[in-house]
Amino acid sequence: MLKKLCPQVQAESVVNLKPEFFICQGIRGVIIDLDNTLVAWGGDSLDPQMTEWVESMKAAGLKMCILSNALENRVKKVGDSLGLPFVSRAVKPRKSPFRKAMELMGTKPEETAVIGDQLFTDILGGNRLDLYTVWTTPISDEEFVSTKAVRRLERIVVKRFRRKGILR
């Protein structure tokens, strides 16, 4: 089980991830989480740097899809503003929403990455389908109450990974 929680890569922010990095990994499509990955939790306004990053990914020929457990109206607003397809009410880490995102992008698991800030939703969901997983630091400290509780568990798992030399 612990192996399924371990990302292939860790990044401070998505804006630190260049399109060439994904292309060199054979990635053609990127599934990206909404809350605390693309926008601050509960928000729908994008930082200009984030918009620029998405545009650079698209310009490099990478397909993208937002995958979120959030309600459709907010996910749609961000997706529409970026020109990206989306899957809302995903109930991550279920496999079906990740499959739906790949279907929208026209990609296969071996050419798809998932980026998110939570091990128990984004990373676990991606690893269950053998996607290339990238774990990022949350944009803000504001979170859903249940997410705050899961973060405690996440810290324990991360400590274990670091002791084993799996994560920095």
N, C-alpha and C. Protein backbone atom coordinates (compact mmCIF):
# COMPACT_ATOMS: atom_id res chain seq x y z
N MET A 1 0.83 -1.20 0.00
CA MET A 1 0.00 0.00 0.00
C MET A 1 0.86 1.26 0.00
N LEU A 2 1.92 1.29 0.81
CA LEU A 2 2.76 2.48 0.86
C LEU A 2 3.35 2.83 -0.50
N LYS A 3 3.69 1.82 -1.27
CA LYS A 3 4.26 2.04 -2.60
C LYS A 3 3.30 2.84 -3.48
N LYS A 4 2.00 2.60 -3.34
CA LYS A 4 0.99 3.29 -4.14
C LYS A 4 0.85 4.76 -3.75
N LEU A 5 1.39 5.14 -2.58
CA LEU A 5 1.33 6.53 -2.14
C LEU A 5 2.56 7.33 -2.52
N CYS A 6 3.55 6.66 -3.08
CA CYS A 6 4.82 7.32 -3.39
C CYS A 6 4.84 7.90 -4.80
N PRO A 7 5.07 9.22 -4.91
CA PRO A 7 5.14 9.84 -6.24
C PRO A 7 6.47 9.55 -6.91
N GLN A 8 6.49 9.63 -8.23
CA GLN A 8 7.76 9.49 -8.95
C GLN A 8 8.61 10.74 -8.77
N VAL A 9 7.95 11.91 -8.68
CA VAL A 9 8.65 13.19 -8.59
C VAL A 9 7.95 14.08 -7.57
N GLN A 10 8.75 14.91 -6.92
CA GLN A 10 8.23 15.90 -6.00
C GLN A 10 8.66 17.27 -6.51
N ALA A 11 7.74 18.26 -6.48
CA ALA A 11 8.04 19.61 -6.95
C ALA A 11 7.45 20.63 -6.00
N GLU A 12 8.15 21.72 -5.83
CA GLU A 12 7.66 22.80 -4.96
C GLU A 12 6.37 23.40 -5.53
N SER A 13 6.33 23.58 -6.85
CA SER A 13 5.17 24.15 -7.53
C SER A 13 5.11 23.63 -8.96
N VAL A 14 3.94 23.62 -9.53
CA VAL A 14 3.82 23.18 -10.92
C VAL A 14 4.59 24.09 -11.86
N VAL A 15 4.72 25.36 -11.52
CA VAL A 15 5.42 26.28 -12.42
C VAL A 15 6.90 25.95 -12.53
N ASN A 16 7.41 25.12 -11.62
CA ASN A 16 8.81 24.67 -11.71
C ASN A 16 8.98 23.51 -12.68
N LEU A 17 7.88 22.96 -13.16
CA LEU A 17 7.92 21.81 -14.07
C LEU A 17 7.81 22.29 -15.51
N LYS A 18 8.86 22.11 -16.26
CA LYS A 18 8.90 22.58 -17.65
C LYS A 18 8.30 21.52 -18.58
N PRO A 19 7.71 21.95 -19.69
CA PRO A 19 7.14 21.00 -20.65
C PRO A 19 8.16 19.95 -21.11
N GLU A 20 9.41 20.36 -21.29
CA GLU A 20 10.46 19.44 -21.76
C GLU A 20 10.65 18.27 -20.80
N PHE A 21 10.46 18.54 -19.50
CA PHE A 21 10.58 17.47 -18.50
C PHE A 21 9.59 16.35 -18.81
N PHE A 22 8.35 16.71 -19.08
CA PHE A 22 7.32 15.72 -19.37
C PHE A 22 7.56 15.04 -20.71
N ILE A 23 7.92 15.82 -21.71
CA ILE A 23 8.16 15.28 -23.05
C ILE A 23 9.28 14.25 -23.00
N CYS A 24 10.34 14.53 -22.24
CA CYS A 24 11.47 13.58 -22.10
C CYS A 24 11.05 12.28 -21.42
N GLN A 25 9.98 12.33 -20.63
CA GLN A 25 9.46 11.13 -19.95
C GLN A 25 8.49 10.35 -20.83
N GLY A 26 8.24 10.87 -22.04
CA GLY A 26 7.29 10.22 -22.94
C GLY A 26 5.85 10.58 -22.63
N ILE A 27 5.65 11.65 -21.86
CA ILE A 27 4.31 12.09 -21.46
C ILE A 27 3.70 12.96 -22.56
N ARG A 28 2.44 12.67 -22.88
CA ARG A 28 1.69 13.46 -23.87
C ARG A 28 0.52 14.21 -23.25
N GLY A 29 0.08 13.73 -22.07
CA GLY A 29 -1.06 14.34 -21.40
C GLY A 29 -0.84 14.47 -19.92
N VAL A 30 -1.34 15.58 -19.35
CA VAL A 30 -1.16 15.86 -17.93
C VAL A 30 -2.51 16.10 -17.28
N ILE A 31 -2.81 15.28 -16.29
CA ILE A 31 -4.01 15.46 -15.47
C ILE A 31 -3.57 16.31 -14.28
N ILE A 32 -4.28 17.40 -14.02
CA ILE A 32 -3.88 18.28 -12.93
C ILE A 32 -5.02 18.53 -11.96
N ASP A 33 -4.71 18.46 -10.69
CA ASP A 33 -5.66 18.73 -9.61
C ASP A 33 -5.96 20.24 -9.57
N LEU A 34 -7.11 20.59 -9.04
CA LEU A 34 -7.51 21.99 -8.96
C LEU A 34 -7.07 22.65 -7.65
N ASP A 35 -7.70 22.23 -6.54
CA ASP A 35 -7.47 22.89 -5.26
C ASP A 35 -6.06 22.67 -4.71
N ASN A 36 -5.41 23.77 -4.41
CA ASN A 36 -4.06 23.81 -3.85
C ASN A 36 -2.99 23.26 -4.78
N THR A 37 -3.36 23.07 -6.06
CA THR A 37 -2.37 22.71 -7.09
C THR A 37 -2.40 23.78 -8.17
N LEU A 38 -3.57 24.03 -8.76
CA LEU A 38 -3.73 25.09 -9.76
C LEU A 38 -4.15 26.42 -9.14
N VAL A 39 -5.08 26.34 -8.18
CA VAL A 39 -5.59 27.54 -7.49
C VAL A 39 -5.60 27.28 -5.99
N ALA A 40 -5.67 28.35 -5.21
CA ALA A 40 -5.79 28.19 -3.76
C ALA A 40 -7.10 27.48 -3.45
N TRP A 41 -7.15 26.74 -2.36
CA TRP A 41 -8.33 25.96 -2.01
C TRP A 41 -9.58 26.84 -2.00
N GLY A 42 -10.63 26.35 -2.66
CA GLY A 42 -11.92 27.04 -2.71
C GLY A 42 -11.97 28.20 -3.67
N GLY A 43 -10.84 28.52 -4.30
CA GLY A 43 -10.79 29.66 -5.20
C GLY A 43 -11.04 29.29 -6.65
N ASP A 44 -11.20 30.32 -7.46
CA ASP A 44 -11.34 30.07 -8.90
C ASP A 44 -10.57 31.09 -9.72
N SER A 45 -9.75 31.90 -9.04
CA SER A 45 -8.93 32.86 -9.79
C SER A 45 -7.50 32.34 -9.85
N LEU A 46 -6.94 32.45 -11.04
CA LEU A 46 -5.60 31.93 -11.30
C LEU A 46 -4.54 32.99 -11.16
N ASP A 47 -3.44 32.59 -10.59
CA ASP A 47 -2.26 33.43 -10.55
C ASP A 47 -1.76 33.55 -11.99
N PRO A 48 -1.35 34.73 -12.45
CA PRO A 48 -0.87 34.88 -13.83
C PRO A 48 0.26 33.91 -14.18
N GLN A 49 1.11 33.61 -13.20
CA GLN A 49 2.21 32.66 -13.43
C GLN A 49 1.67 31.27 -13.76
N MET A 50 0.56 30.90 -13.12
CA MET A 50 -0.06 29.59 -13.37
C MET A 50 -0.66 29.55 -14.77
N THR A 51 -1.33 30.62 -15.16
CA THR A 51 -1.90 30.70 -16.51
C THR A 51 -0.79 30.60 -17.56
N GLU A 52 0.30 31.30 -17.32
CA GLU A 52 1.45 31.26 -18.22
C GLU A 52 2.01 29.84 -18.33
N TRP A 53 2.08 29.15 -17.20
CA TRP A 53 2.60 27.78 -17.18
C TRP A 53 1.71 26.86 -18.02
N VAL A 54 0.39 26.96 -17.82
CA VAL A 54 -0.54 26.12 -18.59
C VAL A 54 -0.38 26.41 -20.08
N GLU A 55 -0.28 27.67 -20.44
CA GLU A 55 -0.11 28.03 -21.85
C GLU A 55 1.19 27.47 -22.42
N SER A 56 2.27 27.46 -21.62
CA SER A 56 3.54 26.91 -22.10
C SER A 56 3.44 25.40 -22.30
N MET A 57 2.69 24.74 -21.44
CA MET A 57 2.48 23.29 -21.57
C MET A 57 1.70 23.00 -22.86
N LYS A 58 0.63 23.75 -23.09
CA LYS A 58 -0.18 23.57 -24.29
C LYS A 58 0.62 23.89 -25.55
N ALA A 59 1.42 24.96 -25.50
CA ALA A 59 2.22 25.37 -26.65
C ALA A 59 3.25 24.29 -27.02
N ALA A 60 3.69 23.51 -26.03
CA ALA A 60 4.65 22.44 -26.27
C ALA A 60 3.97 21.19 -26.81
N GLY A 61 2.65 21.24 -26.96
CA GLY A 61 1.91 20.10 -27.51
C GLY A 61 1.37 19.13 -26.47
N LEU A 62 1.49 19.48 -25.19
CA LEU A 62 0.95 18.61 -24.14
C LEU A 62 -0.54 18.87 -23.95
N LYS A 63 -1.29 17.80 -23.85
CA LYS A 63 -2.71 17.91 -23.57
C LYS A 63 -2.86 17.97 -22.05
N MET A 64 -3.91 18.66 -21.59
CA MET A 64 -4.12 18.79 -20.15
C MET A 64 -5.60 18.63 -19.83
N CYS A 65 -5.86 18.16 -18.61
CA CYS A 65 -7.23 18.01 -18.12
C CYS A 65 -7.23 18.25 -16.62
N ILE A 66 -8.18 19.06 -16.14
CA ILE A 66 -8.33 19.28 -14.70
C ILE A 66 -9.17 18.15 -14.13
N LEU A 67 -8.70 17.58 -13.02
CA LEU A 67 -9.43 16.51 -12.32
C LEU A 67 -9.59 16.94 -10.87
N SER A 68 -10.84 17.10 -10.44
CA SER A 68 -11.09 17.64 -9.11
C SER A 68 -12.28 16.96 -8.44
N ASN A 69 -12.19 16.89 -7.11
CA ASN A 69 -13.33 16.41 -6.33
C ASN A 69 -14.35 17.53 -6.12
N ALA A 70 -14.02 18.75 -6.52
CA ALA A 70 -14.90 19.91 -6.32
C ALA A 70 -16.13 19.85 -7.22
N LEU A 71 -17.09 20.71 -6.90
CA LEU A 71 -18.32 20.80 -7.67
C LEU A 71 -18.05 21.40 -9.05
N GLU A 72 -18.93 21.07 -9.99
CA GLU A 72 -18.71 21.42 -11.39
C GLU A 72 -18.59 22.91 -11.68
N ASN A 73 -19.40 23.76 -11.06
CA ASN A 73 -19.40 25.17 -11.44
C ASN A 73 -18.02 25.82 -11.28
N ARG A 74 -17.30 25.53 -10.20
CA ARG A 74 -15.99 26.12 -9.98
C ARG A 74 -14.93 25.50 -10.89
N VAL A 75 -14.97 24.19 -11.06
CA VAL A 75 -14.02 23.50 -11.92
C VAL A 75 -14.20 23.96 -13.36
N LYS A 76 -15.46 24.10 -13.77
CA LYS A 76 -15.78 24.57 -15.13
C LYS A 76 -15.25 25.98 -15.36
N LYS A 77 -15.41 26.86 -14.38
CA LYS A 77 -14.95 28.24 -14.52
C LYS A 77 -13.45 28.28 -14.78
N VAL A 78 -12.68 27.51 -14.01
CA VAL A 78 -11.22 27.48 -14.20
C VAL A 78 -10.88 26.79 -15.52
N GLY A 79 -11.53 25.67 -15.79
CA GLY A 79 -11.28 24.95 -17.05
C GLY A 79 -11.56 25.82 -18.27
N ASP A 80 -12.69 26.51 -18.26
CA ASP A 80 -13.05 27.38 -19.38
C ASP A 80 -12.05 28.52 -19.54
N SER A 81 -11.60 29.10 -18.42
CA SER A 81 -10.66 30.23 -18.51
C SER A 81 -9.31 29.80 -19.07
N LEU A 82 -8.96 28.52 -18.90
CA LEU A 82 -7.69 28.00 -19.40
C LEU A 82 -7.84 27.24 -20.73
N GLY A 83 -9.07 27.03 -21.14
CA GLY A 83 -9.32 26.25 -22.35
C GLY A 83 -8.99 24.78 -22.15
N LEU A 84 -9.28 24.27 -20.95
CA LEU A 84 -8.98 22.88 -20.62
C LEU A 84 -10.24 22.09 -20.33
N PRO A 85 -10.27 20.82 -20.75
CA PRO A 85 -11.38 19.95 -20.34
C PRO A 85 -11.24 19.66 -18.85
N PHE A 86 -12.30 19.17 -18.25
CA PHE A 86 -12.25 18.91 -16.81
C PHE A 86 -13.16 17.75 -16.44
N VAL A 87 -12.87 17.17 -15.29
CA VAL A 87 -13.72 16.17 -14.66
C VAL A 87 -13.93 16.66 -13.24
N SER A 88 -15.18 16.92 -12.86
CA SER A 88 -15.49 17.40 -11.51
C SER A 88 -16.13 16.27 -10.70
N ARG A 89 -16.30 16.50 -9.40
CA ARG A 89 -16.88 15.50 -8.50
C ARG A 89 -16.23 14.13 -8.72
N ALA A 90 -14.93 14.13 -8.80
CA ALA A 90 -14.17 12.94 -9.21
C ALA A 90 -14.15 11.81 -8.19
N VAL A 91 -14.25 12.12 -6.93
CA VAL A 91 -14.13 11.14 -5.86
C VAL A 91 -12.79 10.39 -5.98
N LYS A 92 -11.73 11.16 -6.12
CA LYS A 92 -10.39 10.57 -6.16
C LYS A 92 -10.13 9.90 -4.82
N PRO A 93 -9.50 8.77 -4.78
CA PRO A 93 -8.63 8.15 -5.77
C PRO A 93 -9.29 7.08 -6.66
N ARG A 94 -10.61 7.13 -6.84
CA ARG A 94 -11.25 6.16 -7.74
C ARG A 94 -10.59 6.20 -9.11
N LYS A 95 -10.55 5.05 -9.78
CA LYS A 95 -9.91 4.95 -11.09
C LYS A 95 -10.71 5.60 -12.21
N SER A 96 -12.03 5.49 -12.16
CA SER A 96 -12.86 5.94 -13.28
C SER A 96 -12.68 7.42 -13.64
N PRO A 97 -12.54 8.35 -12.70
CA PRO A 97 -12.34 9.74 -13.14
C PRO A 97 -10.99 9.96 -13.83
N PHE A 98 -9.96 9.22 -13.43
CA PHE A 98 -8.66 9.32 -14.10
C PHE A 98 -8.78 8.78 -15.53
N ARG A 99 -9.53 7.68 -15.67
CA ARG A 99 -9.76 7.13 -17.01
C ARG A 99 -10.53 8.12 -17.89
N LYS A 100 -11.52 8.78 -17.29
CA LYS A 100 -12.32 9.77 -18.02
C LYS A 100 -11.42 10.92 -18.48
N ALA A 101 -10.52 11.38 -17.62
CA ALA A 101 -9.59 12.47 -17.99
C ALA A 101 -8.70 12.02 -19.15
N MET A 102 -8.20 10.78 -19.11
CA MET A 102 -7.37 10.27 -20.20
C MET A 102 -8.17 10.18 -21.50
N GLU A 103 -9.42 9.78 -21.38
CA GLU A 103 -10.29 9.70 -22.56
C GLU A 103 -10.48 11.10 -23.17
N LEU A 104 -10.68 12.11 -22.33
CA LEU A 104 -10.85 13.47 -22.83
C LEU A 104 -9.59 13.99 -23.53
N MET A 105 -8.42 13.53 -23.06
CA MET A 105 -7.15 13.96 -23.67
C MET A 105 -6.72 13.05 -24.82
N GLY A 106 -7.28 11.85 -24.88
CA GLY A 106 -6.87 10.89 -25.90
C GLY A 106 -5.52 10.28 -25.61
N THR A 107 -5.23 10.04 -24.32
CA THR A 107 -3.94 9.46 -23.94
C THR A 107 -4.11 8.11 -23.26
N LYS A 108 -3.01 7.36 -23.22
CA LYS A 108 -2.95 6.06 -22.55
C LYS A 108 -2.22 6.24 -21.22
N PRO A 109 -2.37 5.30 -20.28
CA PRO A 109 -1.69 5.44 -18.99
C PRO A 109 -0.18 5.68 -19.08
N GLU A 110 0.48 4.97 -19.97
CA GLU A 110 1.95 5.09 -20.06
C GLU A 110 2.42 6.44 -20.62
N GLU A 111 1.50 7.25 -21.12
CA GLU A 111 1.87 8.56 -21.64
C GLU A 111 1.14 9.69 -20.91
N THR A 112 0.69 9.38 -19.68
CA THR A 112 -0.08 10.34 -18.90
C THR A 112 0.56 10.56 -17.53
N ALA A 113 0.64 11.83 -17.14
CA ALA A 113 1.11 12.20 -15.81
C ALA A 113 -0.05 12.78 -15.02
N VAL A 114 0.03 12.70 -13.71
CA VAL A 114 -0.94 13.36 -12.84
C VAL A 114 -0.16 14.21 -11.85
N ILE A 115 -0.62 15.44 -11.66
CA ILE A 115 0.03 16.38 -10.73
C ILE A 115 -0.99 16.76 -9.67
N GLY A 116 -0.59 16.65 -8.40
CA GLY A 116 -1.48 17.04 -7.32
C GLY A 116 -0.75 17.22 -6.01
N ASP A 117 -1.45 17.80 -5.04
CA ASP A 117 -0.84 18.11 -3.75
C ASP A 117 -1.15 17.09 -2.65
N GLN A 118 -1.96 16.07 -2.96
CA GLN A 118 -2.33 15.11 -1.92
C GLN A 118 -1.93 13.68 -2.29
N LEU A 119 -1.26 13.02 -1.35
CA LEU A 119 -0.84 11.64 -1.57
C LEU A 119 -2.03 10.68 -1.63
N PHE A 120 -3.03 10.91 -0.77
CA PHE A 120 -4.13 9.95 -0.65
C PHE A 120 -5.23 10.12 -1.70
N THR A 121 -5.14 11.13 -2.53
CA THR A 121 -6.13 11.31 -3.60
C THR A 121 -5.43 11.31 -4.96
N ASP A 122 -4.63 12.34 -5.21
CA ASP A 122 -3.99 12.51 -6.52
C ASP A 122 -2.94 11.44 -6.81
N ILE A 123 -2.02 11.25 -5.89
CA ILE A 123 -0.91 10.32 -6.12
C ILE A 123 -1.40 8.87 -6.07
N LEU A 124 -2.20 8.54 -5.07
CA LEU A 124 -2.74 7.18 -4.98
C LEU A 124 -3.58 6.86 -6.22
N GLY A 125 -4.44 7.77 -6.62
CA GLY A 125 -5.27 7.55 -7.80
C GLY A 125 -4.45 7.34 -9.06
N GLY A 126 -3.43 8.18 -9.24
CA GLY A 126 -2.56 8.04 -10.40
C GLY A 126 -1.76 6.75 -10.39
N ASN A 127 -1.23 6.40 -9.23
CA ASN A 127 -0.44 5.18 -9.12
C ASN A 127 -1.28 3.92 -9.30
N ARG A 128 -2.55 3.99 -8.96
CA ARG A 128 -3.43 2.82 -9.15
C ARG A 128 -3.56 2.47 -10.63
N LEU A 129 -3.33 3.46 -11.50
CA LEU A 129 -3.41 3.22 -12.95
C LEU A 129 -2.04 3.27 -13.61
N ASP A 130 -0.99 3.26 -12.80
CA ASP A 130 0.39 3.33 -13.30
C ASP A 130 0.67 4.58 -14.12
N LEU A 131 0.12 5.71 -13.70
CA LEU A 131 0.42 6.98 -14.34
C LEU A 131 1.70 7.54 -13.72
N TYR A 132 2.31 8.50 -14.38
CA TYR A 132 3.51 9.17 -13.87
C TYR A 132 3.03 10.22 -12.86
N THR A 133 3.38 10.07 -11.59
CA THR A 133 2.82 10.92 -10.55
C THR A 133 3.81 11.98 -10.06
N VAL A 134 3.29 13.20 -9.93
CA VAL A 134 4.08 14.35 -9.46
C VAL A 134 3.35 14.97 -8.27
N TRP A 135 4.03 15.01 -7.15
CA TRP A 135 3.47 15.56 -5.91
C TRP A 135 4.00 16.96 -5.69
N THR A 136 3.09 17.92 -5.49
CA THR A 136 3.50 19.30 -5.28
C THR A 136 3.14 19.79 -3.88
N THR A 137 3.81 20.83 -3.46
CA THR A 137 3.49 21.49 -2.20
C THR A 137 2.18 22.25 -2.38
N PRO A 138 1.27 22.17 -1.40
CA PRO A 138 0.00 22.92 -1.53
C PRO A 138 0.24 24.42 -1.67
N ILE A 139 -0.58 25.07 -2.47
CA ILE A 139 -0.48 26.51 -2.70
C ILE A 139 -0.77 27.30 -1.42
N SER A 140 -1.76 26.83 -0.65
CA SER A 140 -2.14 27.55 0.57
C SER A 140 -2.36 26.59 1.72
N ASP A 141 -2.45 27.14 2.92
CA ASP A 141 -2.71 26.33 4.12
C ASP A 141 -4.20 26.10 4.33
N GLU A 142 -5.03 26.85 3.63
CA GLU A 142 -6.48 26.70 3.73
C GLU A 142 -6.89 25.40 3.06
N GLU A 143 -7.68 24.58 3.76
CA GLU A 143 -8.12 23.30 3.21
C GLU A 143 -9.44 22.88 3.81
N PHE A 144 -10.06 21.93 3.17
CA PHE A 144 -11.27 21.29 3.67
C PHE A 144 -10.92 20.63 5.01
N VAL A 145 -11.84 20.59 5.94
CA VAL A 145 -11.58 20.04 7.28
C VAL A 145 -11.06 18.60 7.21
N SER A 146 -11.67 17.76 6.40
CA SER A 146 -11.22 16.36 6.33
C SER A 146 -9.82 16.26 5.71
N THR A 147 -9.49 17.19 4.81
CA THR A 147 -8.15 17.17 4.21
C THR A 147 -7.10 17.46 5.28
N LYS A 148 -7.40 18.37 6.20
CA LYS A 148 -6.47 18.69 7.28
C LYS A 148 -6.18 17.45 8.12
N ALA A 149 -7.20 16.64 8.37
CA ALA A 149 -7.01 15.40 9.14
C ALA A 149 -6.14 14.41 8.36
N VAL A 150 -6.38 14.29 7.06
CA VAL A 150 -5.60 13.37 6.22
C VAL A 150 -4.15 13.83 6.11
N ARG A 151 -3.92 15.13 6.19
CA ARG A 151 -2.55 15.66 6.13
C ARG A 151 -1.69 15.11 7.27
N ARG A 152 -2.29 14.86 8.42
CA ARG A 152 -1.53 14.28 9.54
C ARG A 152 -1.00 12.90 9.15
N LEU A 153 -1.87 12.11 8.56
CA LEU A 153 -1.47 10.78 8.08
C LEU A 153 -0.41 10.91 6.99
N GLU A 154 -0.60 11.86 6.12
CA GLU A 154 0.34 12.11 5.04
C GLU A 154 1.74 12.41 5.58
N ARG A 155 1.82 13.22 6.64
CA ARG A 155 3.12 13.55 7.25
C ARG A 155 3.83 12.31 7.77
N ILE A 156 3.07 11.37 8.33
CA ILE A 156 3.65 10.11 8.83
C ILE A 156 4.22 9.31 7.67
N VAL A 157 3.47 9.20 6.59
CA VAL A 157 3.91 8.46 5.40
C VAL A 157 5.16 9.11 4.81
N VAL A 158 5.16 10.43 4.71
CA VAL A 158 6.30 11.15 4.14
C VAL A 158 7.55 10.94 5.00
N LYS A 159 7.40 10.97 6.32
CA LYS A 159 8.55 10.72 7.21
C LYS A 159 9.14 9.34 6.92
N ARG A 160 8.28 8.38 6.74
CA ARG A 160 8.73 7.01 6.46
C ARG A 160 9.48 6.95 5.12
N PHE A 161 8.92 7.61 4.10
CA PHE A 161 9.58 7.67 2.79
C PHE A 161 10.96 8.32 2.89
N ARG A 162 11.03 9.39 3.67
CA ARG A 162 12.31 10.10 3.82
C ARG A 162 13.34 9.25 4.58
N ARG A 163 12.89 8.53 5.60
CA ARG A 163 13.79 7.64 6.34
C ARG A 163 14.36 6.57 5.44
N LYS A 164 13.53 6.10 4.50
CA LYS A 164 13.99 5.06 3.57
C LYS A 164 14.74 5.65 2.38
N GLY A 165 14.84 6.98 2.33
CA GLY A 165 15.55 7.61 1.24
C GLY A 165 14.78 7.68 -0.07
N ILE A 166 13.46 7.49 0.00
CA ILE A 166 12.62 7.50 -1.19
C ILE A 166 12.29 8.94 -1.62
N LEU A 167 12.08 9.81 -0.64
CA LEU A 167 11.78 11.22 -0.90
C LEU A 167 12.80 12.10 -0.19
N ARG A 168 12.98 13.31 -0.73
CA ARG A 168 13.88 14.26 -0.07
C ARG A 168 13.18 14.90 1.11
